[in-house]
N, C-alpha and C. Protein backbone atom coordinates (compact mmCIF):
# COMPACT_ATOMS: atom_id res chain seq x y z
N MET A 1 15.84 -21.99 -15.16
CA MET A 1 14.48 -21.61 -14.81
C MET A 1 14.49 -20.78 -13.54
N LYS A 2 13.70 -19.71 -13.57
CA LYS A 2 13.50 -18.88 -12.39
C LYS A 2 12.01 -18.66 -12.19
N ILE A 3 11.65 -18.37 -10.97
CA ILE A 3 10.28 -18.00 -10.65
C ILE A 3 10.28 -16.51 -10.34
N TYR A 4 9.50 -15.75 -11.09
CA TYR A 4 9.36 -14.32 -10.85
C TYR A 4 8.07 -14.09 -10.07
N LEU A 5 8.21 -13.39 -8.97
CA LEU A 5 7.08 -13.12 -8.10
C LEU A 5 6.77 -11.64 -8.12
N ASP A 6 5.60 -11.31 -8.66
CA ASP A 6 5.12 -9.93 -8.67
C ASP A 6 4.66 -9.63 -7.25
N ALA A 7 5.62 -9.25 -6.40
CA ALA A 7 5.38 -9.21 -4.96
C ALA A 7 4.53 -8.05 -4.48
N ASP A 8 4.30 -7.05 -5.32
CA ASP A 8 3.48 -5.92 -4.88
C ASP A 8 2.01 -6.31 -4.68
N GLY A 9 1.56 -7.33 -5.38
CA GLY A 9 0.15 -7.68 -5.27
C GLY A 9 -0.11 -9.17 -5.18
N THR A 10 0.86 -9.92 -4.71
CA THR A 10 0.71 -11.37 -4.68
C THR A 10 0.95 -11.90 -3.28
N PRO A 11 0.00 -12.65 -2.76
CA PRO A 11 0.22 -13.27 -1.45
C PRO A 11 1.10 -14.52 -1.61
N TYR A 12 1.36 -15.19 -0.53
CA TYR A 12 2.07 -16.48 -0.52
C TYR A 12 3.54 -16.36 -0.91
N ARG A 13 4.14 -15.21 -0.69
CA ARG A 13 5.55 -15.04 -1.02
C ARG A 13 6.41 -16.09 -0.31
N ASP A 14 6.21 -16.23 0.99
CA ASP A 14 7.03 -17.17 1.77
C ASP A 14 6.80 -18.61 1.34
N LEU A 15 5.56 -18.96 1.05
CA LEU A 15 5.27 -20.32 0.59
C LEU A 15 5.90 -20.60 -0.76
N THR A 16 5.88 -19.62 -1.64
CA THR A 16 6.50 -19.78 -2.95
C THR A 16 8.00 -19.99 -2.80
N ILE A 17 8.63 -19.19 -1.97
CA ILE A 17 10.08 -19.31 -1.75
C ILE A 17 10.41 -20.68 -1.16
N GLU A 18 9.63 -21.11 -0.19
CA GLU A 18 9.85 -22.42 0.44
C GLU A 18 9.78 -23.56 -0.59
N ARG A 19 8.75 -23.55 -1.42
CA ARG A 19 8.59 -24.60 -2.43
C ARG A 19 9.71 -24.56 -3.47
N ALA A 20 10.10 -23.36 -3.87
CA ALA A 20 11.16 -23.23 -4.86
C ALA A 20 12.49 -23.74 -4.31
N LYS A 21 12.78 -23.44 -3.06
CA LYS A 21 14.03 -23.89 -2.44
C LYS A 21 14.10 -25.42 -2.41
N ARG A 22 12.97 -26.06 -2.16
CA ARG A 22 12.93 -27.53 -2.14
C ARG A 22 13.42 -28.12 -3.45
N HIS A 23 13.17 -27.40 -4.54
CA HIS A 23 13.54 -27.89 -5.87
C HIS A 23 14.78 -27.21 -6.43
N GLY A 24 15.43 -26.37 -5.62
CA GLY A 24 16.64 -25.70 -6.05
C GLY A 24 16.41 -24.65 -7.12
N VAL A 25 15.24 -24.02 -7.11
CA VAL A 25 14.89 -23.01 -8.10
C VAL A 25 14.99 -21.63 -7.45
N THR A 26 15.58 -20.70 -8.16
CA THR A 26 15.72 -19.33 -7.67
C THR A 26 14.41 -18.57 -7.83
N VAL A 27 14.05 -17.81 -6.82
CA VAL A 27 12.88 -16.93 -6.88
C VAL A 27 13.39 -15.50 -7.01
N VAL A 28 12.82 -14.78 -7.95
CA VAL A 28 13.14 -13.36 -8.13
C VAL A 28 11.93 -12.58 -7.64
N VAL A 29 12.10 -11.90 -6.51
CA VAL A 29 11.02 -11.11 -5.92
C VAL A 29 11.16 -9.69 -6.44
N VAL A 30 10.15 -9.24 -7.16
CA VAL A 30 10.17 -7.90 -7.76
C VAL A 30 9.14 -7.04 -7.02
N THR A 31 9.62 -5.94 -6.47
CA THR A 31 8.75 -5.08 -5.67
C THR A 31 9.24 -3.64 -5.76
N ASP A 32 8.41 -2.71 -5.34
CA ASP A 32 8.87 -1.32 -5.29
C ASP A 32 9.38 -1.00 -3.89
N TYR A 33 9.91 0.21 -3.75
CA TYR A 33 10.55 0.61 -2.50
C TYR A 33 9.61 0.61 -1.30
N SER A 34 8.32 0.65 -1.52
CA SER A 34 7.39 0.71 -0.39
C SER A 34 7.19 -0.64 0.29
N HIS A 35 7.71 -1.72 -0.30
CA HIS A 35 7.60 -3.06 0.27
C HIS A 35 8.98 -3.56 0.67
N HIS A 36 9.10 -4.03 1.88
CA HIS A 36 10.39 -4.53 2.36
C HIS A 36 10.50 -6.03 2.09
N VAL A 37 11.58 -6.40 1.45
CA VAL A 37 11.86 -7.82 1.20
C VAL A 37 13.23 -8.11 1.83
N PRO A 38 13.25 -8.86 2.93
CA PRO A 38 14.54 -9.12 3.58
C PRO A 38 15.42 -10.03 2.73
N PRO A 39 16.75 -9.87 2.85
CA PRO A 39 17.66 -10.75 2.12
C PRO A 39 17.45 -12.20 2.55
N GLU A 40 17.55 -13.09 1.58
CA GLU A 40 17.33 -14.50 1.87
C GLU A 40 18.08 -15.34 0.83
N GLU A 41 18.66 -16.44 1.27
CA GLU A 41 19.38 -17.32 0.36
C GLU A 41 18.42 -17.92 -0.66
N GLY A 42 18.86 -17.94 -1.92
CA GLY A 42 18.02 -18.50 -2.98
C GLY A 42 16.99 -17.53 -3.52
N VAL A 43 17.06 -16.29 -3.06
CA VAL A 43 16.09 -15.27 -3.48
C VAL A 43 16.84 -14.06 -4.03
N GLU A 44 16.53 -13.71 -5.26
CA GLU A 44 17.06 -12.47 -5.83
C GLU A 44 16.02 -11.39 -5.58
N ARG A 45 16.48 -10.24 -5.17
CA ARG A 45 15.57 -9.12 -4.95
C ARG A 45 15.79 -8.08 -6.03
N VAL A 46 14.68 -7.65 -6.62
CA VAL A 46 14.72 -6.56 -7.58
C VAL A 46 13.79 -5.49 -7.02
N VAL A 47 14.37 -4.36 -6.64
CA VAL A 47 13.58 -3.27 -6.07
C VAL A 47 13.56 -2.14 -7.08
N VAL A 48 12.36 -1.70 -7.42
CA VAL A 48 12.18 -0.67 -8.43
C VAL A 48 11.56 0.57 -7.80
N ASP A 49 11.62 1.67 -8.53
CA ASP A 49 10.96 2.89 -8.06
C ASP A 49 9.46 2.65 -7.94
N GLU A 50 8.85 3.45 -7.08
CA GLU A 50 7.39 3.39 -6.99
C GLU A 50 6.84 3.94 -8.29
N GLY A 51 5.86 3.30 -8.79
CA GLY A 51 5.25 3.72 -10.04
C GLY A 51 4.26 2.67 -10.47
N ARG A 52 3.32 3.10 -11.23
CA ARG A 52 2.20 2.24 -11.58
C ARG A 52 2.61 0.88 -12.13
N ASP A 53 3.53 0.84 -13.07
CA ASP A 53 3.90 -0.42 -13.71
C ASP A 53 5.39 -0.73 -13.61
N ALA A 54 6.09 -0.10 -12.67
CA ALA A 54 7.54 -0.27 -12.58
C ALA A 54 7.92 -1.73 -12.33
N ALA A 55 7.25 -2.40 -11.41
CA ALA A 55 7.56 -3.81 -11.14
C ALA A 55 7.22 -4.67 -12.34
N ASP A 56 6.12 -4.36 -13.01
CA ASP A 56 5.72 -5.14 -14.20
C ASP A 56 6.78 -5.06 -15.29
N PHE A 57 7.29 -3.86 -15.55
CA PHE A 57 8.32 -3.71 -16.59
C PHE A 57 9.62 -4.40 -16.19
N ALA A 58 9.94 -4.39 -14.91
CA ALA A 58 11.15 -5.08 -14.45
C ALA A 58 11.02 -6.59 -14.70
N ILE A 59 9.86 -7.14 -14.44
CA ILE A 59 9.64 -8.57 -14.71
C ILE A 59 9.69 -8.82 -16.20
N LEU A 60 8.97 -8.02 -16.96
CA LEU A 60 8.89 -8.20 -18.41
C LEU A 60 10.28 -8.16 -19.06
N ASN A 61 11.14 -7.29 -18.58
CA ASN A 61 12.48 -7.15 -19.15
C ASN A 61 13.41 -8.29 -18.78
N ARG A 62 13.10 -9.04 -17.72
CA ARG A 62 13.99 -10.10 -17.25
C ARG A 62 13.52 -11.50 -17.61
N VAL A 63 12.23 -11.71 -17.70
CA VAL A 63 11.68 -13.06 -17.87
C VAL A 63 12.10 -13.66 -19.21
N GLN A 64 12.35 -14.98 -19.18
CA GLN A 64 12.78 -15.69 -20.37
C GLN A 64 11.92 -16.93 -20.56
N GLU A 65 12.04 -17.50 -21.74
CA GLU A 65 11.32 -18.74 -22.03
C GLU A 65 11.70 -19.79 -20.98
N GLY A 66 10.69 -20.50 -20.48
CA GLY A 66 10.92 -21.53 -19.48
C GLY A 66 10.82 -21.06 -18.05
N ASP A 67 10.69 -19.75 -17.84
CA ASP A 67 10.52 -19.22 -16.49
C ASP A 67 9.05 -19.33 -16.08
N LEU A 68 8.80 -19.09 -14.82
CA LEU A 68 7.45 -19.09 -14.26
C LEU A 68 7.22 -17.74 -13.60
N VAL A 69 6.08 -17.13 -13.88
CA VAL A 69 5.72 -15.85 -13.27
C VAL A 69 4.44 -16.04 -12.47
N ILE A 70 4.43 -15.47 -11.27
CA ILE A 70 3.25 -15.51 -10.42
C ILE A 70 2.73 -14.08 -10.30
N THR A 71 1.54 -13.85 -10.82
CA THR A 71 0.95 -12.51 -10.81
C THR A 71 -0.56 -12.60 -10.97
N GLN A 72 -1.23 -11.54 -10.56
CA GLN A 72 -2.67 -11.39 -10.78
C GLN A 72 -2.93 -10.41 -11.92
N ASP A 73 -1.88 -9.83 -12.45
CA ASP A 73 -1.98 -8.74 -13.43
C ASP A 73 -2.20 -9.29 -14.84
N VAL A 74 -3.40 -9.08 -15.36
CA VAL A 74 -3.77 -9.60 -16.68
C VAL A 74 -2.96 -8.91 -17.78
N GLY A 75 -2.74 -7.61 -17.65
CA GLY A 75 -1.96 -6.89 -18.66
C GLY A 75 -0.53 -7.42 -18.74
N LEU A 76 0.10 -7.59 -17.59
CA LEU A 76 1.45 -8.15 -17.55
C LEU A 76 1.46 -9.55 -18.14
N THR A 77 0.49 -10.35 -17.77
CA THR A 77 0.40 -11.72 -18.27
C THR A 77 0.32 -11.75 -19.79
N SER A 78 -0.46 -10.85 -20.37
CA SER A 78 -0.63 -10.84 -21.83
C SER A 78 0.68 -10.52 -22.55
N LEU A 79 1.61 -9.86 -21.88
CA LEU A 79 2.91 -9.54 -22.47
C LEU A 79 3.94 -10.64 -22.23
N ILE A 80 3.76 -11.40 -21.17
CA ILE A 80 4.73 -12.44 -20.81
C ILE A 80 4.50 -13.73 -21.58
N LEU A 81 3.26 -14.12 -21.76
CA LEU A 81 2.97 -15.41 -22.39
C LEU A 81 3.63 -15.59 -23.76
N PRO A 82 3.63 -14.56 -24.62
CA PRO A 82 4.29 -14.74 -25.92
C PRO A 82 5.81 -14.96 -25.82
N LYS A 83 6.39 -14.64 -24.67
CA LYS A 83 7.83 -14.86 -24.48
C LYS A 83 8.16 -16.31 -24.13
N GLY A 84 7.12 -17.14 -23.93
CA GLY A 84 7.35 -18.54 -23.65
C GLY A 84 7.47 -18.88 -22.17
N ALA A 85 7.13 -17.96 -21.32
CA ALA A 85 7.12 -18.23 -19.88
C ALA A 85 5.72 -18.67 -19.47
N ALA A 86 5.64 -19.41 -18.40
CA ALA A 86 4.35 -19.82 -17.85
C ALA A 86 3.92 -18.78 -16.82
N VAL A 87 2.61 -18.56 -16.69
CA VAL A 87 2.09 -17.59 -15.73
C VAL A 87 0.95 -18.23 -14.96
N ILE A 88 1.03 -18.14 -13.63
CA ILE A 88 -0.05 -18.63 -12.78
C ILE A 88 -0.50 -17.52 -11.85
N SER A 89 -1.76 -17.62 -11.45
CA SER A 89 -2.31 -16.63 -10.51
C SER A 89 -2.22 -17.18 -9.09
N PRO A 90 -2.23 -16.31 -8.10
CA PRO A 90 -2.21 -16.76 -6.71
C PRO A 90 -3.48 -17.51 -6.32
N ARG A 91 -4.48 -17.49 -7.16
CA ARG A 91 -5.70 -18.27 -6.89
C ARG A 91 -5.60 -19.69 -7.44
N GLY A 92 -4.45 -19.99 -8.08
CA GLY A 92 -4.21 -21.35 -8.51
C GLY A 92 -4.69 -21.67 -9.91
N TYR A 93 -4.71 -20.66 -10.78
CA TYR A 93 -5.12 -20.89 -12.16
C TYR A 93 -3.96 -20.53 -13.08
N GLU A 94 -3.80 -21.33 -14.13
CA GLU A 94 -2.77 -21.03 -15.10
C GLU A 94 -3.37 -20.23 -16.24
N PHE A 95 -2.69 -19.17 -16.62
CA PHE A 95 -3.12 -18.34 -17.74
C PHE A 95 -2.66 -18.98 -19.04
N SER A 96 -3.45 -18.80 -20.09
CA SER A 96 -3.06 -19.27 -21.42
C SER A 96 -3.32 -18.13 -22.41
N GLU A 97 -2.62 -18.19 -23.53
CA GLU A 97 -2.81 -17.13 -24.53
C GLU A 97 -4.25 -17.12 -25.04
N GLY A 98 -4.88 -18.27 -25.11
CA GLY A 98 -6.25 -18.36 -25.61
C GLY A 98 -7.28 -17.67 -24.71
N SER A 99 -6.96 -17.50 -23.45
CA SER A 99 -7.92 -16.88 -22.52
C SER A 99 -7.70 -15.38 -22.35
N MET A 100 -6.64 -14.84 -22.94
CA MET A 100 -6.27 -13.46 -22.65
C MET A 100 -7.20 -12.43 -23.29
N GLU A 101 -7.71 -12.70 -24.48
CA GLU A 101 -8.55 -11.70 -25.15
C GLU A 101 -9.77 -11.35 -24.29
N GLY A 102 -10.44 -12.36 -23.78
CA GLY A 102 -11.61 -12.11 -22.94
C GLY A 102 -11.26 -11.42 -21.64
N ARG A 103 -10.15 -11.82 -21.03
CA ARG A 103 -9.72 -11.20 -19.77
C ARG A 103 -9.37 -9.73 -19.97
N LEU A 104 -8.68 -9.43 -21.08
CA LEU A 104 -8.32 -8.04 -21.35
C LEU A 104 -9.55 -7.20 -21.68
N ALA A 105 -10.52 -7.78 -22.38
CA ALA A 105 -11.75 -7.06 -22.70
C ALA A 105 -12.52 -6.73 -21.42
N LEU A 106 -12.58 -7.69 -20.51
CA LEU A 106 -13.26 -7.46 -19.23
C LEU A 106 -12.53 -6.39 -18.41
N ARG A 107 -11.22 -6.44 -18.43
CA ARG A 107 -10.43 -5.42 -17.72
C ARG A 107 -10.73 -4.03 -18.28
N TRP A 108 -10.77 -3.92 -19.61
CA TRP A 108 -11.05 -2.65 -20.27
C TRP A 108 -12.45 -2.16 -19.90
N LEU A 109 -13.44 -3.06 -19.92
CA LEU A 109 -14.81 -2.70 -19.58
C LEU A 109 -14.91 -2.20 -18.14
N HIS A 110 -14.28 -2.89 -17.23
CA HIS A 110 -14.31 -2.46 -15.82
C HIS A 110 -13.66 -1.09 -15.65
N ARG A 111 -12.59 -0.85 -16.39
CA ARG A 111 -11.94 0.47 -16.30
C ARG A 111 -12.87 1.56 -16.81
N LYS A 112 -13.55 1.32 -17.93
CA LYS A 112 -14.50 2.29 -18.48
C LYS A 112 -15.61 2.59 -17.47
N ILE A 113 -16.13 1.57 -16.82
CA ILE A 113 -17.19 1.75 -15.83
C ILE A 113 -16.67 2.59 -14.66
N ARG A 114 -15.47 2.30 -14.18
CA ARG A 114 -14.91 3.07 -13.06
C ARG A 114 -14.68 4.53 -13.46
N LEU A 115 -14.16 4.75 -14.67
CA LEU A 115 -13.90 6.12 -15.14
C LEU A 115 -15.20 6.91 -15.28
N ALA A 116 -16.30 6.21 -15.54
CA ALA A 116 -17.60 6.88 -15.68
C ALA A 116 -18.27 7.06 -14.31
N GLY A 117 -17.58 6.69 -13.25
CA GLY A 117 -18.13 6.87 -11.90
C GLY A 117 -18.82 5.65 -11.35
N GLY A 118 -18.84 4.58 -12.11
CA GLY A 118 -19.48 3.34 -11.64
C GLY A 118 -18.58 2.59 -10.68
N ARG A 119 -19.16 1.57 -10.09
CA ARG A 119 -18.42 0.75 -9.14
C ARG A 119 -18.38 -0.69 -9.62
N ILE A 120 -17.27 -1.30 -9.40
CA ILE A 120 -17.06 -2.70 -9.75
C ILE A 120 -16.74 -3.44 -8.46
N ARG A 121 -17.40 -4.57 -8.29
CA ARG A 121 -17.12 -5.37 -7.11
C ARG A 121 -15.70 -5.92 -7.23
N GLY A 122 -14.95 -5.81 -6.17
CA GLY A 122 -13.58 -6.31 -6.17
C GLY A 122 -13.53 -7.82 -6.05
N PRO A 123 -12.35 -8.37 -6.11
CA PRO A 123 -12.21 -9.82 -6.00
C PRO A 123 -12.56 -10.30 -4.60
N LYS A 124 -12.97 -11.54 -4.52
CA LYS A 124 -13.25 -12.15 -3.22
C LYS A 124 -11.94 -12.29 -2.45
N PRO A 125 -12.01 -12.31 -1.13
CA PRO A 125 -10.79 -12.57 -0.35
C PRO A 125 -10.25 -13.96 -0.70
N PHE A 126 -8.94 -14.14 -0.53
CA PHE A 126 -8.35 -15.43 -0.79
C PHE A 126 -8.87 -16.45 0.20
N SER A 127 -9.17 -17.64 -0.30
CA SER A 127 -9.71 -18.69 0.54
C SER A 127 -8.68 -19.81 0.72
N GLN A 128 -8.98 -20.73 1.61
CA GLN A 128 -8.11 -21.89 1.79
C GLN A 128 -8.08 -22.74 0.52
N ASP A 129 -9.21 -22.79 -0.20
CA ASP A 129 -9.24 -23.52 -1.48
C ASP A 129 -8.30 -22.87 -2.49
N ASP A 130 -8.29 -21.52 -2.54
CA ASP A 130 -7.36 -20.82 -3.44
C ASP A 130 -5.92 -21.18 -3.09
N ARG A 131 -5.61 -21.16 -1.81
CA ARG A 131 -4.25 -21.45 -1.34
C ARG A 131 -3.85 -22.87 -1.73
N ALA A 132 -4.72 -23.82 -1.48
CA ALA A 132 -4.42 -25.23 -1.80
C ALA A 132 -4.26 -25.42 -3.31
N ARG A 133 -5.13 -24.80 -4.09
CA ARG A 133 -5.06 -24.90 -5.55
C ARG A 133 -3.75 -24.28 -6.06
N PHE A 134 -3.39 -23.13 -5.49
CA PHE A 134 -2.14 -22.46 -5.87
C PHE A 134 -0.93 -23.33 -5.57
N LEU A 135 -0.85 -23.85 -4.35
CA LEU A 135 0.32 -24.65 -3.97
C LEU A 135 0.44 -25.91 -4.81
N SER A 136 -0.67 -26.53 -5.13
CA SER A 136 -0.66 -27.72 -5.97
C SER A 136 -0.17 -27.38 -7.38
N LEU A 137 -0.70 -26.30 -7.96
CA LEU A 137 -0.29 -25.89 -9.29
C LEU A 137 1.18 -25.45 -9.30
N LEU A 138 1.60 -24.72 -8.28
CA LEU A 138 2.99 -24.27 -8.19
C LEU A 138 3.93 -25.47 -8.20
N GLU A 139 3.62 -26.46 -7.40
CA GLU A 139 4.45 -27.67 -7.34
C GLU A 139 4.52 -28.37 -8.70
N ARG A 140 3.38 -28.51 -9.35
CA ARG A 140 3.35 -29.17 -10.67
C ARG A 140 4.16 -28.37 -11.70
N LYS A 141 4.01 -27.03 -11.69
CA LYS A 141 4.72 -26.20 -12.67
C LYS A 141 6.22 -26.24 -12.43
N ILE A 142 6.65 -26.19 -11.19
CA ILE A 142 8.09 -26.24 -10.90
C ILE A 142 8.66 -27.56 -11.42
N ILE A 143 7.98 -28.65 -11.13
CA ILE A 143 8.47 -29.96 -11.57
C ILE A 143 8.50 -30.05 -13.09
N SER A 144 7.43 -29.62 -13.76
CA SER A 144 7.39 -29.77 -15.22
C SER A 144 8.38 -28.82 -15.91
N LEU A 145 8.52 -27.60 -15.43
CA LEU A 145 9.46 -26.67 -16.05
C LEU A 145 10.91 -27.08 -15.78
N ALA A 146 11.18 -27.62 -14.59
CA ALA A 146 12.53 -28.09 -14.29
C ALA A 146 12.87 -29.30 -15.16
N ARG A 147 11.91 -30.18 -15.36
CA ARG A 147 12.12 -31.34 -16.23
C ARG A 147 12.40 -30.89 -17.66
N ARG A 148 11.64 -29.93 -18.14
CA ARG A 148 11.84 -29.42 -19.49
C ARG A 148 13.21 -28.76 -19.65
N ALA A 149 13.64 -28.03 -18.61
CA ALA A 149 14.95 -27.38 -18.65
C ALA A 149 16.06 -28.43 -18.69
N ASP A 150 15.89 -29.51 -17.94
CA ASP A 150 16.89 -30.60 -17.96
C ASP A 150 16.96 -31.25 -19.34
N GLU A 151 15.81 -31.44 -19.98
CA GLU A 151 15.79 -32.05 -21.31
C GLU A 151 16.46 -31.17 -22.34
N ASP A 152 16.36 -29.85 -22.18
CA ASP A 152 16.94 -28.91 -23.12
C ASP A 152 18.47 -28.84 -23.01
N ARG A 153 19.00 -29.28 -21.87
CA ARG A 153 20.46 -29.20 -21.67
C ARG A 153 21.20 -30.24 -22.44
């Protein structure tokens, strides 16, 4: 089991790494060249070219069943879930295949509005509640996925 961190748009990188290390789980930080990720024990770094979806494709090509991905990207999530990996958002919510159709439709609608010159309100700033919910869910997912990996051995 590995934790893939879509580091270009996800907060809590250091907290994720800290929690993963406690459980002996490797974190794969995927980012483009414009973001600096210092070398660190227990952390694999994947640095990709700058580009709209370069980090997303790097994650998609590496993730396997039983892994955990942390991202806010609904499009990436919709491609990862069928591979059998779990996906959580930095706001502390777990994505499921059943919720993706509505999320993708809303994403498409917002894009159409923006292309037509309209404005869409952005997400709220991250709150302490988001952080607490994320850390709680992260801990639960690491434990449950590690347990499942042990059972499969």
